[in-house]
């Protein structure tokens, strides 16, 4: 029986290579197809071209932060349905509310 995870593509967006490697190790082991990038602009292009099933997104990134990227993903009708989960070291209630306000799913 084929692993159900192999049918799903996850886009991991983080500018810290160690974080990307950690998430990759966990998700590859489960059989997910992974796309990775270290910038918001590249992530937007990947979302437009590949329509991943899920986006795992760091908030604190240079140039375009994760909140701005999430807002842009959720404002584009052709891929606004893609769930976005924020992975961040920020733990304040304010940062959680900001994430939900920009359209993050968790």
C-alpha atoms as a PDB file:
ATOM      1  CA  UNK A   1       0.000   0.000   0.000  1.00  0.00           C
ATOM      2  CA  UNK A   2       1.364   3.413  -1.012  1.00  0.00           C
ATOM      3  CA  UNK A   3       2.166   5.912   1.718  1.00  0.00           C
ATOM      4  CA  UNK A   4      -0.561   8.575   1.693  1.00  0.00           C
ATOM      5  CA  UNK A   5       1.990  11.281   2.567  1.00  0.00           C
ATOM      6  CA  UNK A   6       3.711  10.783  -0.780  1.00  0.00           C
ATOM      7  CA  UNK A   7       0.698  12.372  -2.463  1.00  0.00           C
ATOM      8  CA  UNK A   8       1.267  15.688  -0.677  1.00  0.00           C
ATOM      9  CA  UNK A   9       3.756  18.483  -1.324  1.00  0.00           C
ATOM     10  CA  UNK A  10       4.932  20.740   1.497  1.00  0.00           C
ATOM     11  CA  UNK A  11       6.689  24.071   0.934  1.00  0.00           C
ATOM     12  CA  UNK A  12       9.106  24.915   3.749  1.00  0.00           C
ATOM     13  CA  UNK A  13      10.120  28.590   3.932  1.00  0.00           C
ATOM     14  CA  UNK A  14      12.874  29.559   6.359  1.00  0.00           C
ATOM     15  CA  UNK A  15      16.107  31.536   6.044  1.00  0.00           C
ATOM     16  CA  UNK A  16      17.894  29.389   8.650  1.00  0.00           C
ATOM     17  CA  UNK A  17      19.354  26.295   6.944  1.00  0.00           C
ATOM     18  CA  UNK A  18      19.394  24.251  10.164  1.00  0.00           C
ATOM     19  CA  UNK A  19      15.649  24.758  10.605  1.00  0.00           C
ATOM     20  CA  UNK A  20      14.996  23.678   7.022  1.00  0.00           C
ATOM     21  CA  UNK A  21      17.150  20.559   7.445  1.00  0.00           C
ATOM     22  CA  UNK A  22      15.308  19.615  10.637  1.00  0.00           C
ATOM     23  CA  UNK A  23      11.868  19.939   9.049  1.00  0.00           C
ATOM     24  CA  UNK A  24      13.103  18.119   5.928  1.00  0.00           C
ATOM     25  CA  UNK A  25      14.393  15.214   7.993  1.00  0.00           C
ATOM     26  CA  UNK A  26      11.063  14.789   9.757  1.00  0.00           C
ATOM     27  CA  UNK A  27       8.823  15.159   6.698  1.00  0.00           C
ATOM     28  CA  UNK A  28      10.963  13.154   4.258  1.00  0.00           C
ATOM     29  CA  UNK A  29      10.943  10.269   6.715  1.00  0.00           C
ATOM     30  CA  UNK A  30       7.133  10.336   6.506  1.00  0.00           C
ATOM     31  CA  UNK A  31       7.256  10.378   2.703  1.00  0.00           C
ATOM     32  CA  UNK A  32       6.139  13.935   1.878  1.00  0.00           C
ATOM     33  CA  UNK A  33       7.396  15.659  -1.260  1.00  0.00           C
ATOM     34  CA  UNK A  34       9.288  18.756  -0.132  1.00  0.00           C
ATOM     35  CA  UNK A  35      10.010  22.114  -1.681  1.00  0.00           C
ATOM     36  CA  UNK A  36      12.258  24.514   0.220  1.00  0.00           C
ATOM     37  CA  UNK A  37      13.329  28.106  -0.077  1.00  0.00           C
ATOM     38  CA  UNK A  38      14.933  30.770   2.076  1.00  0.00           C
ATOM     39  CA  UNK A  39      12.998  33.825   0.885  1.00  0.00           C
ATOM     40  CA  UNK A  40       9.473  35.128   0.639  1.00  0.00           C
ATOM     41  CA  UNK A  41       9.803  36.184  -3.001  1.00  0.00           C
ATOM     42  CA  UNK A  42      10.966  32.720  -4.034  1.00  0.00           C
ATOM     43  CA  UNK A  43       8.190  31.140  -1.973  1.00  0.00           C
ATOM     44  CA  UNK A  44       5.570  33.178  -3.841  1.00  0.00           C
ATOM     45  CA  UNK A  45       6.920  31.959  -7.167  1.00  0.00           C
ATOM     46  CA  UNK A  46       6.920  28.365  -5.959  1.00  0.00           C
ATOM     47  CA  UNK A  47       3.344  28.687  -4.672  1.00  0.00           C
ATOM     48  CA  UNK A  48       2.235  30.093  -8.034  1.00  0.00           C
ATOM     49  CA  UNK A  49       3.988  27.409 -10.064  1.00  0.00           C
ATOM     50  CA  UNK A  50       3.655  24.295  -7.905  1.00  0.00           C
ATOM     51  CA  UNK A  51       0.567  24.844  -5.706  1.00  0.00           C
ATOM     52  CA  UNK A  52       1.844  22.902  -2.675  1.00  0.00           C
ATOM     53  CA  UNK A  53      -0.664  21.270  -0.332  1.00  0.00           C
ATOM     54  CA  UNK A  54       0.799  23.024   2.717  1.00  0.00           C
ATOM     55  CA  UNK A  55       3.177  25.903   3.487  1.00  0.00           C
ATOM     56  CA  UNK A  56       5.310  25.819   6.642  1.00  0.00           C
ATOM     57  CA  UNK A  57       6.513  29.360   7.148  1.00  0.00           C
ATOM     58  CA  UNK A  58       8.985  31.154   9.398  1.00  0.00           C
ATOM     59  CA  UNK A  59       7.921  34.644  10.457  1.00  0.00           C
ATOM     60  CA  UNK A  60      11.326  36.254  10.978  1.00  0.00           C
ATOM     61  CA  UNK A  61      12.997  36.501   7.566  1.00  0.00           C
ATOM     62  CA  UNK A  62      14.823  39.337   5.794  1.00  0.00           C
ATOM     63  CA  UNK A  63      13.274  41.356   2.961  1.00  0.00           C
ATOM     64  CA  UNK A  64       9.746  39.875   3.062  1.00  0.00           C
ATOM     65  CA  UNK A  65       8.839  38.501   6.484  1.00  0.00           C
ATOM     66  CA  UNK A  66       6.527  35.549   6.950  1.00  0.00           C
ATOM     67  CA  UNK A  67       3.505  37.656   7.865  1.00  0.00           C
ATOM     68  CA  UNK A  68       3.753  39.644   4.631  1.00  0.00           C
ATOM     69  CA  UNK A  69       4.251  36.446   2.642  1.00  0.00           C
ATOM     70  CA  UNK A  70       1.246  34.824   4.301  1.00  0.00           C
ATOM     71  CA  UNK A  71      -0.917  37.859   3.471  1.00  0.00           C
ATOM     72  CA  UNK A  72       0.184  37.709  -0.158  1.00  0.00           C
ATOM     73  CA  UNK A  73      -0.512  33.977  -0.430  1.00  0.00           C
ATOM     74  CA  UNK A  74      -3.951  34.364   1.123  1.00  0.00           C
ATOM     75  CA  UNK A  75      -4.838  37.331  -1.120  1.00  0.00           C
ATOM     76  CA  UNK A  76      -4.175  35.442  -4.365  1.00  0.00           C
ATOM     77  CA  UNK A  77      -7.343  33.592  -5.357  1.00  0.00           C
ATOM     78  CA  UNK A  78      -5.566  30.860  -7.339  1.00  0.00           C
ATOM     79  CA  UNK A  79      -3.699  29.574  -4.278  1.00  0.00           C
ATOM     80  CA  UNK A  80      -5.343  31.216  -1.264  1.00  0.00           C
ATOM     81  CA  UNK A  81      -6.732  27.796  -0.289  1.00  0.00           C
ATOM     82  CA  UNK A  82      -3.273  26.489   0.624  1.00  0.00           C
ATOM     83  CA  UNK A  83      -3.025  26.098   4.410  1.00  0.00           C
ATOM     84  CA  UNK A  84      -0.214  28.090   6.029  1.00  0.00           C
ATOM     85  CA  UNK A  85       1.295  27.035   9.335  1.00  0.00           C
ATOM     86  CA  UNK A  86       3.663  29.491  10.990  1.00  0.00           C
ATOM     87  CA  UNK A  87       6.819  28.043  12.523  1.00  0.00           C
ATOM     88  CA  UNK A  88       8.417  30.651  14.723  1.00  0.00           C
ATOM     89  CA  UNK A  89      10.255  31.337  17.935  1.00  0.00           C
ATOM     90  CA  UNK A  90       7.805  34.163  18.633  1.00  0.00           C
ATOM     91  CA  UNK A  91       5.460  33.062  21.400  1.00  0.00           C
ATOM     92  CA  UNK A  92       3.625  36.197  22.477  1.00  0.00           C
ATOM     93  CA  UNK A  93      -0.124  36.460  22.191  1.00  0.00           C
ATOM     94  CA  UNK A  94       0.379  39.508  19.978  1.00  0.00           C
ATOM     95  CA  UNK A  95       2.483  37.552  17.473  1.00  0.00           C
ATOM     96  CA  UNK A  96      -0.120  34.754  17.395  1.00  0.00           C
ATOM     97  CA  UNK A  97      -2.897  37.264  16.713  1.00  0.00           C
ATOM     98  CA  UNK A  98      -0.784  38.887  13.958  1.00  0.00           C
ATOM     99  CA  UNK A  99      -0.334  35.494  12.345  1.00  0.00           C
ATOM    100  CA  UNK A 100      -4.054  34.740  12.384  1.00  0.00           C
ATOM    101  CA  UNK A 101      -4.885  38.229  11.103  1.00  0.00           C
ATOM    102  CA  UNK A 102      -2.627  37.780   8.083  1.00  0.00           C
ATOM    103  CA  UNK A 103      -4.454  34.567   7.210  1.00  0.00           C
ATOM    104  CA  UNK A 104      -2.328  31.829   8.769  1.00  0.00           C
ATOM    105  CA  UNK A 105      -4.224  28.685   9.599  1.00  0.00           C
ATOM    106  CA  UNK A 106      -2.212  27.918  12.733  1.00  0.00           C
END
